[in-house]
PDB file of N, CA and C in Angstrom:
ATOM      1  N   MET A   1     101.967  91.854 103.873  1.00  0.00           N
ATOM      2  CA  MET A   1     101.866  92.660 102.054  1.00  0.00           C
ATOM      3  C   MET A   1     101.522  92.556 101.192  1.00  0.00           C
ATOM      4  N   PHE A   2     101.453  91.043 101.409  1.00  0.00           N
ATOM      5  CA  PHE A   2     101.045  90.118 100.086  1.00  0.00           C
ATOM      6  C   PHE A   2      99.200  90.137  99.872  1.00  0.00           C
ATOM      7  N   ARG A   3      98.607  89.920 101.778  1.00  0.00           N
ATOM      8  CA  ARG A   3      97.428  89.850 101.319  1.00  0.00           C
ATOM      9  C   ARG A   3      96.656  90.949 101.376  1.00  0.00           C
ATOM     10  N   ASN A   4      97.565  92.678 101.924  1.00  0.00           N
ATOM     11  CA  ASN A   4      96.926  93.498 101.033  1.00  0.00           C
ATOM     12  C   ASN A   4      96.495  93.900  99.713  1.00  0.00           C
ATOM     13  N   MET A   5      98.166  93.198  99.240  1.00  0.00           N
ATOM     14  CA  MET A   5      97.538  93.360  97.586  1.00  0.00           C
ATOM     15  C   MET A   5      96.557  92.189  97.114  1.00  0.00           C
ATOM     16  N   ILE A   6      96.252  91.425  97.615  1.00  0.00           N
ATOM     17  CA  ILE A   6      95.428  90.222  97.116  1.00  0.00           C
ATOM     18  C   ILE A   6      94.023  90.362  97.331  1.00  0.00           C
ATOM     19  N   SER A   7      93.653  91.902  97.879  1.00  0.00           N
ATOM     20  CA  SER A   7      92.641  92.591  98.764  1.00  0.00           C
ATOM     21  C   SER A   7      92.294  93.418  98.299  1.00  0.00           C
ATOM     22  N   ASN A   8      93.926  94.283  97.311  1.00  0.00           N
ATOM     23  CA  ASN A   8      93.021  95.459  96.999  1.00  0.00           C
ATOM     24  C   ASN A   8      92.843  95.101  94.969  1.00  0.00           C
ATOM     25  N   PHE A   9      93.601  93.646  95.061  1.00  0.00           N
ATOM     26  CA  PHE A   9      93.292  93.435  93.397  1.00  0.00           C
ATOM     27  C   PHE A   9      91.802  93.059  93.301  1.00  0.00           C
ATOM     28  N   ASP A  10      90.920  93.021  94.455  1.00  0.00           N
ATOM     29  CA  ASP A  10      90.124  92.239  94.449  1.00  0.00           C
ATOM     30  C   ASP A  10      89.436  93.195  94.415  1.00  0.00           C
ATOM     31  N   LYS A  11      89.111  94.198  95.008  1.00  0.00           N
ATOM     32  CA  LYS A  11      88.287  95.087  95.212  1.00  0.00           C
ATOM     33  C   LYS A  11      88.916  95.692  93.167  1.00  0.00           C
ATOM     34  N   MET A  12      89.855  95.695  92.938  1.00  0.00           N
ATOM     35  CA  MET A  12      89.947  96.448  91.671  1.00  0.00           C
ATOM     36  C   MET A  12      89.616  95.709  90.255  1.00  0.00           C
ATOM     37  N   ILE A  13      89.965  93.901  90.624  1.00  0.00           N
ATOM     38  CA  ILE A  13      89.202  93.965  89.781  1.00  0.00           C
ATOM     39  C   ILE A  13      86.995  93.974  89.556  1.00  0.00           C
ATOM     40  N   VAL A  14      86.310  94.060  91.037  1.00  0.00           N
ATOM     41  CA  VAL A  14      84.945  93.888  90.726  1.00  0.00           C
ATOM     42  C   VAL A  14      84.755  95.496  90.438  1.00  0.00           C
ATOM     43  N   ASP A  15      85.432  96.526  90.627  1.00  0.00           N
ATOM     44  CA  ASP A  15      85.569  97.937  89.810  1.00  0.00           C
ATOM     45  C   ASP A  15      85.044  97.720  88.750  1.00  0.00           C
ATOM     46  N   LEU A  16      86.544  97.220  88.453  1.00  0.00           N
ATOM     47  CA  LEU A  16      85.606  97.091  86.986  1.00  0.00           C
ATOM     48  C   LEU A  16      85.203  96.568  86.272  1.00  0.00           C
ATOM     49  N   ASP A  17      85.034  94.973  87.092  1.00  0.00           N
ATOM     50  CA  ASP A  17      83.952  94.889  86.626  1.00  0.00           C
ATOM     51  C   ASP A  17      82.118  95.289  86.865  1.00  0.00           C
ATOM     52  N   ARG A  18      82.392  95.685  87.041  1.00  0.00           N
ATOM     53  CA  ARG A  18      80.988  97.116  86.986  1.00  0.00           C
ATOM     54  C   ARG A  18      80.890  98.402  85.770  1.00  0.00           C
ATOM     55  N   GLN A  19      81.966  98.477  86.147  1.00  0.00           N
ATOM     56  CA  GLN A  19      83.042  99.518  85.006  1.00  0.00           C
ATOM     57  C   GLN A  19      82.577  98.872  83.486  1.00  0.00           C
ATOM     58  N   ILE A  20      82.250  98.098  83.143  1.00  0.00           N
ATOM     59  CA  ILE A  20      82.173  96.928  82.240  1.00  0.00           C
ATOM     60  C   ILE A  20      80.933  96.990  82.218  1.00  0.00           C
ATOM     61  N   ALA A  21      80.221  95.932  82.934  1.00  0.00           N
ATOM     62  CA  ALA A  21      78.886  95.468  83.148  1.00  0.00           C
ATOM     63  C   ALA A  21      78.569  97.069  82.449  1.00  0.00           C
ATOM     64  N   ALA A  22      78.579  98.574  83.514  1.00  0.00           N
ATOM     65  CA  ALA A  22      78.088 100.253  83.443  1.00  0.00           C
ATOM     66  C   ALA A  22      77.782 100.813  81.543  1.00  0.00           C
ATOM     67  N   GLU A  23      79.465  99.868  80.885  1.00  0.00           N
ATOM     68  CA  GLU A  23      79.563 100.733  79.842  1.00  0.00           C
ATOM     69  C   GLU A  23      78.769 100.039  78.324  1.00  0.00           C
ATOM     70  N   GLU A  24      78.952  98.452  78.857  1.00  0.00           N
ATOM     71  CA  GLU A  24      77.808  97.755  78.158  1.00  0.00           C
ATOM     72  C   GLU A  24      76.086  97.692  78.230  1.00  0.00           C
ATOM     73  N   ASP A  25      75.674  98.134  79.360  1.00  0.00           N
ATOM     74  CA  ASP A  25      74.080  98.562  79.860  1.00  0.00           C
ATOM     75  C   ASP A  25      73.749 100.401  78.714  1.00  0.00           C
ATOM     76  N   ARG A  26      75.365 101.032  78.562  1.00  0.00           N
ATOM     77  CA  ARG A  26      75.497 102.526  78.283  1.00  0.00           C
ATOM     78  C   ARG A  26      74.969 102.027  76.950  1.00  0.00           C
ATOM     79  N   THR A  27      75.862 101.750  76.393  1.00  0.00           N
ATOM     80  CA  THR A  27      76.060 101.720  75.069  1.00  0.00           C
ATOM     81  C   THR A  27      74.963 100.592  74.239  1.00  0.00           C
ATOM     82  N   ARG A  28      74.751  99.397  75.020  1.00  0.00           N
ATOM     83  CA  ARG A  28      74.090  98.048  74.514  1.00  0.00           C
ATOM     84  C   ARG A  28      74.060  97.313  74.063  1.00  0.00           C
ATOM     85  N   ILE A  29      75.200  97.098  73.890  1.00  0.00           N
ATOM     86  CA  ILE A  29      76.315  96.230  72.989  1.00  0.00           C
ATOM     87  C   ILE A  29      76.824  95.586  73.865  1.00  0.00           C
ATOM     88  N   LYS A  30      76.670  93.816  74.124  1.00  0.00           N
ATOM     89  CA  LYS A  30      77.087  93.001  75.498  1.00  0.00           C
ATOM     90  C   LYS A  30      77.966  92.918  74.491  1.00  0.00           C
ATOM     91  N   ASP A  31      77.913  91.611  73.505  1.00  0.00           N
ATOM     92  CA  ASP A  31      78.428  91.168  72.191  1.00  0.00           C
ATOM     93  C   ASP A  31      80.259  91.607  72.011  1.00  0.00           C
ATOM     94  N   THR A  32      81.254  91.293  72.633  1.00  0.00           N
ATOM     95  CA  THR A  32      82.509  91.641  72.590  1.00  0.00           C
ATOM     96  C   THR A  32      83.461  91.863  71.139  1.00  0.00           C
ATOM     97  N   ALA A  33      83.273  90.766  70.467  1.00  0.00           N
ATOM     98  CA  ALA A  33      82.478  91.152  69.097  1.00  0.00           C
ATOM     99  C   ALA A  33      82.156  91.517  67.952  1.00  0.00           C
ATOM    100  N   HIS A  34      81.354  92.356  68.575  1.00  0.00           N
ATOM    101  CA  HIS A  34      80.553  93.276  67.074  1.00  0.00           C
ATOM    102  C   HIS A  34      81.370  94.048  67.305  1.00  0.00           C
ATOM    103  N   PRO A  35      81.325  95.089  66.118  1.00  0.00           N
ATOM    104  CA  PRO A  35      82.463  95.914  66.068  1.00  0.00           C
ATOM    105  C   PRO A  35      82.521  97.206  66.640  1.00  0.00           C
ATOM    106  N   ALA A  36      81.400  97.340  67.606  1.00  0.00           N
ATOM    107  CA  ALA A  36      81.017  98.650  67.654  1.00  0.00           C
ATOM    108  C   ALA A  36      80.809  98.576  69.191  1.00  0.00           C
ATOM    109  N   TYR A  37      81.620  96.761  69.552  1.00  0.00           N
ATOM    110  CA  TYR A  37      81.984  97.346  71.185  1.00  0.00           C
ATOM    111  C   TYR A  37      82.735  97.888  71.474  1.00  0.00           C
ATOM    112  N   SER A  38      82.297  98.956  72.783  1.00  0.00           N
ATOM    113  CA  SER A  38      83.228  99.653  73.877  1.00  0.00           C
ATOM    114  C   SER A  38      85.147  99.308  73.793  1.00  0.00           C
ATOM    115  N   THR A  39      85.179 100.479  73.300  1.00  0.00           N
ATOM    116  CA  THR A  39      87.019 100.432  73.704  1.00  0.00           C
ATOM    117  C   THR A  39      87.011 100.820  74.987  1.00  0.00           C
ATOM    118  N   PHE A  40      86.053 101.378  75.519  1.00  0.00           N
ATOM    119  CA  PHE A  40      86.671 101.851  76.520  1.00  0.00           C
ATOM    120  C   PHE A  40      86.497 100.387  78.023  1.00  0.00           C
ATOM    121  N   ALA A  41      84.892  98.967  77.277  1.00  0.00           N
ATOM    122  CA  ALA A  41      84.928  97.711  77.952  1.00  0.00           C
ATOM    123  C   ALA A  41      85.386  96.593  77.357  1.00  0.00           C
ATOM    124  N   THR A  42      86.291  96.990  76.507  1.00  0.00           N
ATOM    125  CA  THR A  42      87.379  96.110  75.807  1.00  0.00           C
ATOM    126  C   THR A  42      88.863  96.686  76.910  1.00  0.00           C
ATOM    127  N   ALA A  43      89.240  98.067  76.968  1.00  0.00           N
ATOM    128  CA  ALA A  43      90.619  97.762  77.986  1.00  0.00           C
ATOM    129  C   ALA A  43      89.505  98.544  78.773  1.00  0.00           C
ATOM    130  N   ALA A  44      89.031  97.788  79.647  1.00  0.00           N
ATOM    131  CA  ALA A  44      88.886  97.511  80.839  1.00  0.00           C
ATOM    132  C   ALA A  44      89.123  95.876  81.120  1.00  0.00           C
ATOM    133  N   ALA A  45      88.734  95.080  80.099  1.00  0.00           N
ATOM    134  CA  ALA A  45      88.196  93.454  80.592  1.00  0.00           C
ATOM    135  C   ALA A  45      89.576  93.504  80.575  1.00  0.00           C
ATOM    136  N   LYS A  46      90.447  93.996  79.468  1.00  0.00           N
ATOM    137  CA  LYS A  46      91.808  93.329  78.889  1.00  0.00           C
ATOM    138  C   LYS A  46      92.786  94.404  80.681  1.00  0.00           C
ATOM    139  N   ARG A  47      92.439  95.081  81.445  1.00  0.00           N
ATOM    140  CA  ARG A  47      93.049  95.572  82.465  1.00  0.00           C
ATOM    141  C   ARG A  47      92.739  93.980  83.655  1.00  0.00           C
ATOM    142  N   ARG A  48      91.021  93.333  83.504  1.00  0.00           N
ATOM    143  CA  ARG A  48      90.905  92.943  84.458  1.00  0.00           C
ATOM    144  C   ARG A  48      91.640  91.148  84.686  1.00  0.00           C
ATOM    145  N   GLN A  49      91.651  91.474  83.227  1.00  0.00           N
ATOM    146  CA  GLN A  49      92.288  89.567  82.376  1.00  0.00           C
ATOM    147  C   GLN A  49      93.934  89.268  82.824  1.00  0.00           C
ATOM    148  N   ASN A  50      94.147  90.288  83.301  1.00  0.00           N
ATOM    149  CA  ASN A  50      95.253  90.735  83.536  1.00  0.00           C
ATOM    150  C   ASN A  50      95.504  90.828  84.935  1.00  0.00           C
ATOM    151  N   LEU A  51      95.085  92.133  86.050  1.00  0.00           N
ATOM    152  CA  LEU A  51      94.630  91.871  87.702  1.00  0.00           C
ATOM    153  C   LEU A  51      94.436  90.023  87.703  1.00  0.00           C
ATOM    154  N   LEU A  52      93.897  89.440  86.902  1.00  0.00           N
ATOM    155  CA  LEU A  52      93.510  88.338  88.181  1.00  0.00           C
ATOM    156  C   LEU A  52      94.891  87.389  87.438  1.00  0.00           C
ATOM    157  N   ASN A  53      95.456  87.302  86.174  1.00  0.00           N
ATOM    158  CA  ASN A  53      96.961  86.623  86.134  1.00  0.00           C
ATOM    159  C   ASN A  53      97.852  86.684  87.468  1.00  0.00           C
ATOM    160  N   LEU A  54      97.642  88.449  87.816  1.00  0.00           N
ATOM    161  CA  LEU A  54      98.652  89.468  88.778  1.00  0.00           C
ATOM    162  C   LEU A  54      97.958  88.269  89.837  1.00  0.00           C
ATOM    163  N   LEU A  55      96.926  88.385  90.572  1.00  0.00           N
ATOM    164  CA  LEU A  55      96.630  87.953  91.369  1.00  0.00           C
ATOM    165  C   LEU A  55      96.232  86.761  92.257  1.00  0.00           C
ATOM    166  N   ALA A  56      96.423  85.585  90.593  1.00  0.00           N
ATOM    167  CA  ALA A  56      96.483  84.553  90.617  1.00  0.00           C
ATOM    168  C   ALA A  56      98.248  84.276  91.310  1.00  0.00           C
ATOM    169  N   HIS A  57      99.636  84.510  90.084  1.00  0.00           N
ATOM    170  CA  HIS A  57     100.795  85.073  90.480  1.00  0.00           C
ATOM    171  C   HIS A  57     101.328  85.376  91.683  1.00  0.00           C
ATOM    172  N   THR A  58     100.482  86.457  92.428  1.00  0.00           N
ATOM    173  CA  THR A  58     100.631  86.939  93.930  1.00  0.00           C
ATOM    174  C   THR A  58     100.331  85.604  94.867  1.00  0.00           C
ATOM    175  N   GLN A  59      99.108  85.009  94.791  1.00  0.00           N
ATOM    176  CA  GLN A  59      98.555  84.845  95.566  1.00  0.00           C
ATOM    177  C   GLN A  59      99.177  83.242  95.891  1.00  0.00           C
ATOM    178  N   SER A  60      99.970  82.484  94.516  1.00  0.00           N
ATOM    179  CA  SER A  60     101.629  81.812  94.258  1.00  0.00           C
ATOM    180  C   SER A  60     102.442  81.994  95.411  1.00  0.00           C
ATOM    181  N   MET A  61     102.470  83.256  95.227  1.00  0.00           N
ATOM    182  CA  MET A  61     104.239  83.725  95.679  1.00  0.00           C
ATOM    183  C   MET A  61     103.759  83.289  97.059  1.00  0.00           C
ATOM    184  N   LEU A  62     102.182  83.909  97.546  1.00  0.00           N
ATOM    185  CA  LEU A  62     101.880  84.252  99.211  1.00  0.00           C
ATOM    186  C   LEU A  62     101.937  81.769  99.578  1.00  0.00           C
ATOM    187  N   ASP A  63     101.447  81.543  98.147  1.00  0.00           N
ATOM    188  CA  ASP A  63     101.403  79.930  99.188  1.00  0.00           C
ATOM    189  C   ASP A  63     103.074  79.584  99.685  1.00  0.00           C
ATOM    190  N   VAL A  64     104.328  80.092  98.588  1.00  0.00           N
ATOM    191  CA  VAL A  64     105.331  79.501  98.708  1.00  0.00           C
ATOM    192  C   VAL A  64     105.971  79.949  99.908  1.00  0.00           C
ATOM    193  N   ALA A  65     105.226  81.122 100.313  1.00  0.00           N
ATOM    194  CA  ALA A  65     105.830  81.499 101.163  1.00  0.00           C
ATOM    195  C   ALA A  65     105.811  81.792 102.468  1.00  0.00           C
ATOM    196  N   ARG A  66     103.943  80.484 102.716  1.00  0.00           N
ATOM    197  CA  ARG A  66     104.234  79.806 104.031  1.00  0.00           C
ATOM    198  C   ARG A  66     104.253  78.520 104.109  1.00  0.00           C
ATOM    199  N   ASN A  67     104.658  77.589 102.994  1.00  0.00           N
ATOM    200  CA  ASN A  67     105.585  76.328 103.067  1.00  0.00           C
ATOM    201  C   ASN A  67     106.510  76.813 103.469  1.00  0.00           C
ATOM    202  N   TYR A  68     107.439  77.584 102.617  1.00  0.00           N
ATOM    203  CA  TYR A  68     108.648  78.092 103.180  1.00  0.00           C
ATOM    204  C   TYR A  68     109.383  77.969 104.728  1.00  0.00           C
ATOM    205  N   THR A  69     108.319  78.513 105.164  1.00  0.00           N
ATOM    206  CA  THR A  69     108.057  78.734 107.025  1.00  0.00           C
ATOM    207  C   THR A  69     107.993  78.034 107.589  1.00  0.00           C
ATOM    208  N   LYS A  70     107.607  76.917 106.872  1.00  0.00           N
ATOM    209  CA  LYS A  70     106.173  76.498 108.029  1.00  0.00           C
ATOM    210  C   LYS A  70     107.574  74.989 108.179  1.00  0.00           C
TER     211      LYS A  70
END
């Protein structure tokens, strides 16, 4: 169960990275502090960060479960 979740999170993170890069290429603005930086890219980056946090938490839970069953 956790392994599937981790795999899915990894895939979503890679996809969001691709979407962010494509949006930055499309708008030609890569500086996140620029006033005209894409709101789509900003939202995708926040989602990506949330997934990274969730991935770390899920990995931690899996590690605890593995150690508990030893």
